[in-house]
Amino acid sequence: MAYKPYSVDDTFWEFSEMPENSKMPLSFRADAAFRVSSFDIYKYDITIKNIEKPEQEIQSLLKIIDGKVKSIIKENITVEGFLNTLEKENNNPVGIITCLMELEQYEKVLSKIEVYKKNGVHSGYSFGSTDFFDFVENICNKKLNIGNSVFMKIGNQINKIFKN
């Protein structure tokens, strides 16, 4: 059993240029090839011992699941809360980056990507020949206007040289 905020996939599909996926059935968010992985909160494997009367074993499992769901709902799941959970577990870089993108924390995205690359962490996604991290890095740079400001600084330096 796992969870994630509904909006995280929409954000992922928006910046990865697949917005049509948002219109797919809800089950697509769990099984699609290109999506943000959910966070597992409970793993279960039930073996029915009393095949003639399985109700008690099933009811017991359903009570546990119900308690887990109520616990998650009580926490009031937000993108920030989901991000905090993912960062504590540190095993879902695509989810972390996508949450940060949704929160428009582009500087932090760039910082995280730098750390991931430095540590050899791979996203597992690519867009053509472009890795997910490089793809998102380009988006962040555009949002922050880094590319233009770097070129403007270089241009200003060149102008100063030629004026002297």
N, C-alpha and C. Protein backbone atom coordinates (compact mmCIF):
# COMPACT_ATOMS: atom_id res chain seq x y z
N MET A 1 0.85 -1.16 0.00
CA MET A 1 0.00 0.00 0.00
C MET A 1 0.90 1.23 0.00
N ALA A 2 0.58 2.18 -0.86
CA ALA A 2 1.43 3.36 -1.01
C ALA A 2 0.57 4.60 -1.25
N TYR A 3 1.22 5.76 -1.15
CA TYR A 3 0.49 7.01 -1.40
C TYR A 3 1.41 8.05 -2.03
N LYS A 4 0.77 9.05 -2.61
CA LYS A 4 1.44 10.26 -3.10
C LYS A 4 0.35 11.29 -3.36
N PRO A 5 0.70 12.56 -3.28
CA PRO A 5 -0.29 13.58 -3.63
C PRO A 5 -0.65 13.47 -5.12
N TYR A 6 -1.89 13.61 -5.42
CA TYR A 6 -2.43 13.52 -6.78
C TYR A 6 -1.70 14.46 -7.74
N SER A 7 -1.37 15.64 -7.27
CA SER A 7 -0.79 16.68 -8.13
C SER A 7 0.63 16.38 -8.59
N VAL A 8 1.33 15.49 -7.90
CA VAL A 8 2.74 15.24 -8.23
C VAL A 8 2.89 14.67 -9.64
N ASP A 9 2.03 13.72 -10.00
CA ASP A 9 2.10 13.19 -11.36
C ASP A 9 1.77 14.26 -12.39
N ASP A 10 0.76 15.08 -12.10
CA ASP A 10 0.40 16.15 -13.03
C ASP A 10 1.59 17.07 -13.27
N THR A 11 2.30 17.41 -12.21
CA THR A 11 3.49 18.26 -12.34
C THR A 11 4.54 17.56 -13.18
N PHE A 12 4.80 16.29 -12.88
CA PHE A 12 5.78 15.51 -13.64
C PHE A 12 5.42 15.49 -15.12
N TRP A 13 4.16 15.20 -15.43
CA TRP A 13 3.74 15.12 -16.82
C TRP A 13 3.75 16.48 -17.51
N GLU A 14 3.49 17.53 -16.76
CA GLU A 14 3.51 18.87 -17.34
C GLU A 14 4.92 19.24 -17.78
N PHE A 15 5.89 19.13 -16.88
CA PHE A 15 7.23 19.57 -17.27
C PHE A 15 7.94 18.55 -18.17
N SER A 16 7.47 17.31 -18.19
CA SER A 16 8.07 16.33 -19.11
C SER A 16 7.32 16.27 -20.44
N GLU A 17 6.44 17.24 -20.63
CA GLU A 17 5.72 17.45 -21.88
C GLU A 17 4.83 16.26 -22.26
N MET A 18 4.14 15.72 -21.25
CA MET A 18 3.16 14.65 -21.47
C MET A 18 1.86 14.98 -20.74
N PRO A 19 1.32 16.20 -20.90
CA PRO A 19 0.14 16.60 -20.12
C PRO A 19 -1.09 15.74 -20.39
N GLU A 20 -1.14 15.08 -21.55
CA GLU A 20 -2.30 14.23 -21.86
C GLU A 20 -2.44 13.07 -20.87
N ASN A 21 -1.36 12.69 -20.22
CA ASN A 21 -1.43 11.60 -19.24
C ASN A 21 -2.33 11.95 -18.05
N SER A 22 -2.48 13.23 -17.77
CA SER A 22 -3.33 13.66 -16.65
C SER A 22 -4.79 13.30 -16.88
N LYS A 23 -5.16 13.05 -18.12
CA LYS A 23 -6.55 12.74 -18.45
C LYS A 23 -6.82 11.23 -18.44
N MET A 24 -5.78 10.46 -18.17
CA MET A 24 -5.93 9.00 -18.15
C MET A 24 -6.65 8.58 -16.87
N PRO A 25 -7.15 7.32 -16.83
CA PRO A 25 -7.81 6.82 -15.61
C PRO A 25 -6.86 6.86 -14.41
N LEU A 26 -7.43 6.93 -13.22
CA LEU A 26 -6.61 7.01 -12.01
C LEU A 26 -5.61 5.88 -11.88
N SER A 27 -5.96 4.70 -12.34
CA SER A 27 -5.04 3.56 -12.23
C SER A 27 -3.74 3.81 -12.99
N PHE A 28 -3.78 4.68 -13.96
CA PHE A 28 -2.59 5.03 -14.74
C PHE A 28 -1.52 5.64 -13.85
N ARG A 29 -1.94 6.37 -12.81
CA ARG A 29 -0.99 7.01 -11.89
C ARG A 29 -0.19 5.97 -11.09
N ALA A 30 -0.73 4.79 -10.97
CA ALA A 30 -0.02 3.73 -10.24
C ALA A 30 0.82 2.87 -11.17
N ASP A 31 0.36 2.69 -12.40
CA ASP A 31 0.98 1.71 -13.28
C ASP A 31 1.69 2.28 -14.51
N ALA A 32 1.61 3.57 -14.74
CA ALA A 32 2.22 4.15 -15.94
C ALA A 32 3.74 4.00 -15.91
N ALA A 33 4.33 3.91 -17.07
CA ALA A 33 5.80 3.82 -17.16
C ALA A 33 6.44 5.14 -16.73
N PHE A 34 5.86 6.24 -17.13
CA PHE A 34 6.38 7.56 -16.77
C PHE A 34 5.48 8.19 -15.72
N ARG A 35 5.91 8.09 -14.47
CA ARG A 35 5.15 8.63 -13.34
C ARG A 35 6.09 8.73 -12.15
N VAL A 36 5.63 9.42 -11.14
CA VAL A 36 6.38 9.50 -9.89
C VAL A 36 5.97 8.31 -9.03
N SER A 37 6.95 7.62 -8.50
CA SER A 37 6.65 6.46 -7.64
C SER A 37 6.00 6.92 -6.34
N SER A 38 5.07 6.12 -5.87
CA SER A 38 4.42 6.38 -4.59
C SER A 38 5.35 5.97 -3.46
N PHE A 39 5.00 6.39 -2.25
CA PHE A 39 5.77 6.00 -1.07
C PHE A 39 5.05 4.85 -0.39
N ASP A 40 5.74 3.74 -0.21
CA ASP A 40 5.14 2.58 0.44
C ASP A 40 4.96 2.83 1.93
N ILE A 41 3.73 2.57 2.41
CA ILE A 41 3.49 2.73 3.84
C ILE A 41 3.17 1.40 4.52
N TYR A 42 2.82 0.40 3.72
CA TYR A 42 2.52 -0.89 4.32
C TYR A 42 2.59 -1.97 3.25
N LYS A 43 3.39 -2.98 3.53
CA LYS A 43 3.47 -4.13 2.62
C LYS A 43 2.79 -5.31 3.29
N TYR A 44 2.00 -5.99 2.54
CA TYR A 44 1.30 -7.14 3.12
C TYR A 44 1.27 -8.29 2.11
N ASP A 45 1.26 -9.46 2.65
CA ASP A 45 1.13 -10.68 1.87
C ASP A 45 0.30 -11.61 2.72
N ILE A 46 -0.91 -11.80 2.30
CA ILE A 46 -1.82 -12.60 3.12
C ILE A 46 -1.95 -14.01 2.54
N THR A 47 -1.83 -14.95 3.41
CA THR A 47 -2.07 -16.35 3.05
C THR A 47 -3.26 -16.79 3.89
N ILE A 48 -4.31 -17.12 3.23
CA ILE A 48 -5.53 -17.55 3.92
C ILE A 48 -5.32 -18.98 4.44
N LYS A 49 -5.42 -19.11 5.74
CA LYS A 49 -5.22 -20.42 6.36
C LYS A 49 -6.52 -21.21 6.42
N ASN A 50 -7.61 -20.50 6.64
CA ASN A 50 -8.91 -21.17 6.73
C ASN A 50 -9.68 -20.85 5.45
N ILE A 51 -9.49 -21.68 4.46
CA ILE A 51 -10.11 -21.45 3.15
C ILE A 51 -11.63 -21.50 3.22
N GLU A 52 -12.16 -22.29 4.13
CA GLU A 52 -13.61 -22.44 4.27
C GLU A 52 -14.24 -21.16 4.83
N LYS A 53 -13.53 -20.47 5.74
CA LYS A 53 -14.04 -19.25 6.36
C LYS A 53 -12.92 -18.21 6.41
N PRO A 54 -12.65 -17.57 5.29
CA PRO A 54 -11.54 -16.61 5.23
C PRO A 54 -11.88 -15.22 5.78
N GLU A 55 -13.14 -15.01 6.15
CA GLU A 55 -13.60 -13.68 6.53
C GLU A 55 -12.79 -13.06 7.66
N GLN A 56 -12.48 -13.82 8.69
CA GLN A 56 -11.78 -13.26 9.85
C GLN A 56 -10.38 -12.78 9.47
N GLU A 57 -9.67 -13.55 8.67
CA GLU A 57 -8.31 -13.15 8.26
C GLU A 57 -8.36 -11.92 7.36
N ILE A 58 -9.33 -11.89 6.48
CA ILE A 58 -9.47 -10.75 5.57
C ILE A 58 -9.87 -9.51 6.36
N GLN A 59 -10.82 -9.66 7.30
CA GLN A 59 -11.24 -8.53 8.14
C GLN A 59 -10.08 -7.98 8.95
N SER A 60 -9.23 -8.85 9.44
CA SER A 60 -8.06 -8.43 10.22
C SER A 60 -7.12 -7.58 9.36
N LEU A 61 -6.87 -8.03 8.14
CA LEU A 61 -6.03 -7.26 7.22
C LEU A 61 -6.68 -5.92 6.87
N LEU A 62 -7.98 -5.92 6.61
CA LEU A 62 -8.68 -4.69 6.27
C LEU A 62 -8.63 -3.68 7.41
N LYS A 63 -8.68 -4.15 8.67
CA LYS A 63 -8.56 -3.24 9.82
C LYS A 63 -7.19 -2.57 9.85
N ILE A 64 -6.16 -3.35 9.57
CA ILE A 64 -4.80 -2.79 9.53
C ILE A 64 -4.70 -1.74 8.42
N ILE A 65 -5.19 -2.09 7.25
CA ILE A 65 -5.15 -1.16 6.11
C ILE A 65 -5.94 0.09 6.43
N ASP A 66 -7.13 -0.06 7.01
CA ASP A 66 -7.96 1.08 7.37
C ASP A 66 -7.21 2.00 8.34
N GLY A 67 -6.52 1.42 9.30
CA GLY A 67 -5.73 2.22 10.25
C GLY A 67 -4.62 2.99 9.57
N LYS A 68 -3.95 2.36 8.60
CA LYS A 68 -2.87 3.02 7.86
C LYS A 68 -3.42 4.19 7.04
N VAL A 69 -4.55 3.97 6.40
CA VAL A 69 -5.19 5.03 5.59
C VAL A 69 -5.59 6.19 6.48
N LYS A 70 -6.22 5.90 7.62
CA LYS A 70 -6.62 6.97 8.54
C LYS A 70 -5.42 7.76 9.04
N SER A 71 -4.32 7.08 9.28
CA SER A 71 -3.09 7.73 9.74
C SER A 71 -2.57 8.71 8.69
N ILE A 72 -2.59 8.28 7.44
CA ILE A 72 -2.12 9.15 6.35
C ILE A 72 -3.05 10.35 6.19
N ILE A 73 -4.35 10.11 6.22
CA ILE A 73 -5.33 11.19 6.09
C ILE A 73 -5.18 12.19 7.24
N LYS A 74 -4.95 11.67 8.44
CA LYS A 74 -4.78 12.53 9.62
C LYS A 74 -3.57 13.45 9.47
N GLU A 75 -2.55 12.98 8.78
CA GLU A 75 -1.35 13.79 8.57
C GLU A 75 -1.58 14.92 7.57
N ASN A 76 -2.74 14.92 6.90
CA ASN A 76 -3.07 15.94 5.93
C ASN A 76 -1.98 16.03 4.86
N ILE A 77 -1.97 15.08 3.98
CA ILE A 77 -0.93 14.94 2.97
C ILE A 77 -0.86 16.17 2.09
N THR A 78 0.31 16.75 2.06
CA THR A 78 0.60 17.88 1.17
C THR A 78 1.84 17.53 0.37
N VAL A 79 2.11 18.32 -0.64
CA VAL A 79 3.34 18.11 -1.42
C VAL A 79 4.55 18.29 -0.50
N GLU A 80 4.49 19.28 0.38
CA GLU A 80 5.60 19.51 1.32
C GLU A 80 5.80 18.30 2.23
N GLY A 81 4.71 17.75 2.75
CA GLY A 81 4.79 16.58 3.61
C GLY A 81 5.33 15.36 2.87
N PHE A 82 4.87 15.18 1.65
CA PHE A 82 5.35 14.07 0.83
C PHE A 82 6.84 14.25 0.55
N LEU A 83 7.24 15.47 0.23
CA LEU A 83 8.66 15.77 -0.02
C LEU A 83 9.49 15.45 1.21
N ASN A 84 9.03 15.87 2.39
CA ASN A 84 9.77 15.58 3.62
C ASN A 84 9.94 14.08 3.83
N THR A 85 8.88 13.32 3.57
CA THR A 85 8.95 11.87 3.70
C THR A 85 9.96 11.29 2.73
N LEU A 86 9.91 11.73 1.48
CA LEU A 86 10.84 11.22 0.47
C LEU A 86 12.28 11.59 0.80
N GLU A 87 12.49 12.80 1.30
CA GLU A 87 13.85 13.22 1.64
C GLU A 87 14.40 12.41 2.82
N LYS A 88 13.54 12.07 3.78
CA LYS A 88 13.99 11.24 4.91
C LYS A 88 14.41 9.86 4.42
N GLU A 89 13.64 9.30 3.50
CA GLU A 89 13.92 7.96 2.98
C GLU A 89 15.04 8.00 1.93
N ASN A 90 15.15 9.10 1.22
CA ASN A 90 16.20 9.34 0.22
C ASN A 90 16.32 8.20 -0.80
N ASN A 91 15.19 7.72 -1.30
CA ASN A 91 15.26 6.65 -2.29
C ASN A 91 14.38 6.91 -3.52
N ASN A 92 13.93 8.14 -3.71
CA ASN A 92 13.05 8.46 -4.83
C ASN A 92 13.45 9.82 -5.40
N PRO A 93 14.60 9.89 -6.09
CA PRO A 93 15.06 11.18 -6.59
C PRO A 93 14.10 11.86 -7.56
N VAL A 94 13.40 11.08 -8.38
CA VAL A 94 12.43 11.68 -9.31
C VAL A 94 11.28 12.31 -8.52
N GLY A 95 10.82 11.64 -7.48
CA GLY A 95 9.76 12.20 -6.64
C GLY A 95 10.20 13.46 -5.93
N ILE A 96 11.42 13.46 -5.40
CA ILE A 96 11.95 14.64 -4.71
C ILE A 96 12.06 15.81 -5.67
N ILE A 97 12.65 15.57 -6.83
CA ILE A 97 12.82 16.64 -7.82
C ILE A 97 11.46 17.16 -8.28
N THR A 98 10.50 16.26 -8.51
CA THR A 98 9.18 16.68 -8.98
C THR A 98 8.46 17.51 -7.92
N CYS A 99 8.55 17.11 -6.66
CA CYS A 99 7.94 17.91 -5.59
C CYS A 99 8.55 19.30 -5.55
N LEU A 100 9.86 19.37 -5.63
CA LEU A 100 10.53 20.68 -5.62
C LEU A 100 10.13 21.52 -6.82
N MET A 101 9.94 20.88 -7.97
CA MET A 101 9.48 21.61 -9.16
C MET A 101 8.07 22.16 -8.93
N GLU A 102 7.21 21.33 -8.34
CA GLU A 102 5.83 21.78 -8.06
C GLU A 102 5.84 22.96 -7.10
N LEU A 103 6.76 22.95 -6.16
CA LEU A 103 6.88 24.03 -5.18
C LEU A 103 7.69 25.22 -5.71
N GLU A 104 8.12 25.10 -6.95
CA GLU A 104 8.90 26.15 -7.64
C GLU A 104 10.19 26.50 -6.89
N GLN A 105 10.82 25.50 -6.33
CA GLN A 105 12.09 25.68 -5.61
C GLN A 105 13.24 25.28 -6.55
N TYR A 106 13.40 26.06 -7.61
CA TYR A 106 14.31 25.72 -8.69
C TYR A 106 15.78 25.69 -8.26
N GLU A 107 16.18 26.58 -7.37
CA GLU A 107 17.57 26.56 -6.90
C GLU A 107 17.86 25.27 -6.15
N LYS A 108 16.89 24.84 -5.34
CA LYS A 108 17.06 23.61 -4.58
C LYS A 108 17.08 22.40 -5.53
N VAL A 109 16.29 22.46 -6.60
CA VAL A 109 16.30 21.39 -7.60
C VAL A 109 17.70 21.26 -8.19
N LEU A 110 18.27 22.39 -8.59
CA LEU A 110 19.61 22.37 -9.19
C LEU A 110 20.65 21.83 -8.21
N SER A 111 20.51 22.21 -6.96
CA SER A 111 21.42 21.73 -5.92
C SER A 111 21.30 20.22 -5.73
N LYS A 112 20.06 19.72 -5.67
CA LYS A 112 19.83 18.29 -5.51
C LYS A 112 20.38 17.50 -6.69
N ILE A 113 20.13 18.01 -7.90
CA ILE A 113 20.62 17.33 -9.10
C ILE A 113 22.14 17.25 -9.08
N GLU A 114 22.77 18.33 -8.67
CA GLU A 114 24.24 18.33 -8.58
C GLU A 114 24.72 17.25 -7.62
N VAL A 115 24.08 17.13 -6.47
CA VAL A 115 24.45 16.10 -5.48
C VAL A 115 24.19 14.71 -6.05
N TYR A 116 23.04 14.51 -6.69
CA TYR A 116 22.72 13.20 -7.26
C TYR A 116 23.78 12.79 -8.28
N LYS A 117 24.12 13.72 -9.16
CA LYS A 117 25.11 13.41 -10.19
C LYS A 117 26.47 13.11 -9.57
N LYS A 118 26.84 13.90 -8.60
CA LYS A 118 28.12 13.72 -7.93
C LYS A 118 28.21 12.35 -7.26
N ASN A 119 27.07 11.88 -6.73
CA ASN A 119 27.02 10.60 -6.02
C ASN A 119 26.65 9.42 -6.93
N GLY A 120 26.55 9.67 -8.22
CA GLY A 120 26.24 8.60 -9.16
C GLY A 120 24.82 8.09 -9.11
N VAL A 121 23.90 8.91 -8.61
CA VAL A 121 22.49 8.54 -8.55
C VAL A 121 21.88 8.76 -9.93
N HIS A 122 21.16 7.77 -10.43
CA HIS A 122 20.50 7.87 -11.73
C HIS A 122 18.99 7.94 -11.53
N SER A 123 18.35 8.69 -12.41
CA SER A 123 16.90 8.86 -12.29
C SER A 123 16.13 7.65 -12.81
N GLY A 124 16.67 6.99 -13.79
CA GLY A 124 15.95 5.89 -14.42
C GLY A 124 15.06 6.34 -15.57
N TYR A 125 15.01 7.64 -15.83
CA TYR A 125 14.21 8.19 -16.92
C TYR A 125 15.11 8.94 -17.89
N SER A 126 14.72 8.88 -19.15
CA SER A 126 15.39 9.74 -20.13
C SER A 126 14.35 10.18 -21.15
N PHE A 127 14.62 11.30 -21.74
CA PHE A 127 13.74 11.87 -22.76
C PHE A 127 14.56 11.95 -24.03
N GLY A 128 14.40 10.94 -24.88
CA GLY A 128 15.28 10.82 -26.04
C GLY A 128 16.68 10.52 -25.52
N SER A 129 17.62 11.34 -25.89
CA SER A 129 19.00 11.13 -25.42
C SER A 129 19.32 11.97 -24.19
N THR A 130 18.31 12.66 -23.65
CA THR A 130 18.52 13.54 -22.50
C THR A 130 18.05 12.86 -21.22
N ASP A 131 18.94 12.77 -20.25
CA ASP A 131 18.60 12.21 -18.95
C ASP A 131 17.61 13.13 -18.23
N PHE A 132 16.79 12.56 -17.38
CA PHE A 132 15.80 13.31 -16.60
C PHE A 132 16.45 14.49 -15.87
N PHE A 133 17.58 14.24 -15.20
CA PHE A 133 18.23 15.30 -14.45
C PHE A 133 18.66 16.45 -15.36
N ASP A 134 19.23 16.14 -16.52
CA ASP A 134 19.64 17.18 -17.46
C ASP A 134 18.42 17.92 -18.01
N PHE A 135 17.36 17.17 -18.27
CA PHE A 135 16.12 17.75 -18.77
C PHE A 135 15.57 18.78 -17.78
N VAL A 136 15.49 18.38 -16.51
CA VAL A 136 14.96 19.26 -15.47
C VAL A 136 15.91 20.44 -15.22
N GLU A 137 17.20 20.17 -15.28
CA GLU A 137 18.19 21.24 -15.10
C GLU A 137 17.98 22.34 -16.13
N ASN A 138 17.72 21.96 -17.37
CA ASN A 138 17.45 22.95 -18.42
C ASN A 138 16.20 23.76 -18.13
N ILE A 139 15.16 23.10 -17.65
CA ILE A 139 13.92 23.81 -17.30
C ILE A 139 14.18 24.81 -16.18
N CYS A 140 14.90 24.37 -15.15
CA CYS A 140 15.20 25.26 -14.02
C CYS A 140 16.03 26.46 -14.46
N ASN A 141 17.01 26.21 -15.29
CA ASN A 141 17.84 27.30 -15.78
C ASN A 141 17.01 28.32 -16.55
N LYS A 142 16.05 27.83 -17.33
CA LYS A 142 15.16 28.75 -18.06
C LYS A 142 14.28 29.53 -17.08
N LYS A 143 13.74 28.81 -16.09
CA LYS A 143 12.87 29.47 -15.11
C LYS A 143 13.64 30.54 -14.33
N LEU A 144 14.89 30.23 -14.02
CA LEU A 144 15.72 31.16 -13.26
C LEU A 144 16.46 32.15 -14.15
N ASN A 145 16.33 31.94 -15.46
CA ASN A 145 16.97 32.81 -16.44
C ASN A 145 18.49 32.78 -16.29
N ILE A 146 19.03 31.63 -15.85
CA ILE A 146 20.47 31.53 -15.62
C ILE A 146 21.24 31.60 -16.92
N GLY A 147 20.76 30.89 -17.93
CA GLY A 147 21.47 30.91 -19.21
C GLY A 147 21.65 32.31 -19.73
N ASN A 148 20.57 33.11 -19.73
CA ASN A 148 20.65 34.47 -20.25
C ASN A 148 21.54 35.35 -19.40
N SER A 149 21.48 35.21 -18.07
CA SER A 149 22.29 36.08 -17.23
C SER A 149 23.77 35.74 -17.38
N VAL A 150 24.11 34.47 -17.58
CA VAL A 150 25.51 34.10 -17.79
C VAL A 150 26.01 34.72 -19.08
N PHE A 151 25.20 34.58 -20.15
CA PHE A 151 25.61 35.16 -21.42
C PHE A 151 25.71 36.67 -21.34
N MET A 152 24.81 37.29 -20.59
CA MET A 152 24.87 38.75 -20.43
C MET A 152 26.13 39.15 -19.68
N LYS A 153 26.52 38.42 -18.66
CA LYS A 153 27.74 38.73 -17.92
C LYS A 153 28.96 38.58 -18.81
N ILE A 154 28.99 37.50 -19.59
CA ILE A 154 30.11 37.30 -20.52
C ILE A 154 30.13 38.42 -21.54
N GLY A 155 28.96 38.76 -22.07
CA GLY A 155 28.88 39.85 -23.05
C GLY A 155 29.34 41.17 -22.46
N ASN A 156 28.96 41.45 -21.21
CA ASN A 156 29.40 42.68 -20.55
C ASN A 156 30.92 42.69 -20.39
N GLN A 157 31.49 41.55 -20.04
CA GLN A 157 32.94 41.47 -19.88
C GLN A 157 33.64 41.71 -21.22
N ILE A 158 33.11 41.13 -22.28
CA ILE A 158 33.69 41.33 -23.62
C ILE A 158 33.60 42.80 -24.01
N ASN A 159 32.44 43.42 -23.73
CA ASN A 159 32.29 44.85 -24.06
C ASN A 159 33.31 45.69 -23.30
N LYS A 160 33.55 45.37 -22.04
CA LYS A 160 34.54 46.11 -21.24
C LYS A 160 35.93 45.97 -21.84
N ILE A 161 36.26 44.77 -22.27
CA ILE A 161 37.58 44.54 -22.86
C ILE A 161 37.76 45.38 -24.11
N PHE A 162 36.75 45.38 -24.98
CA PHE A 162 36.88 46.11 -26.24
C PHE A 162 36.79 47.63 -26.07
N LYS A 163 36.15 48.08 -24.99
CA LYS A 163 36.09 49.52 -24.75
C LYS A 163 37.43 50.04 -24.26
N ASN A 164 38.23 49.20 -23.62
CA ASN A 164 39.52 49.62 -23.10
C ASN A 164 40.52 49.41 -24.15
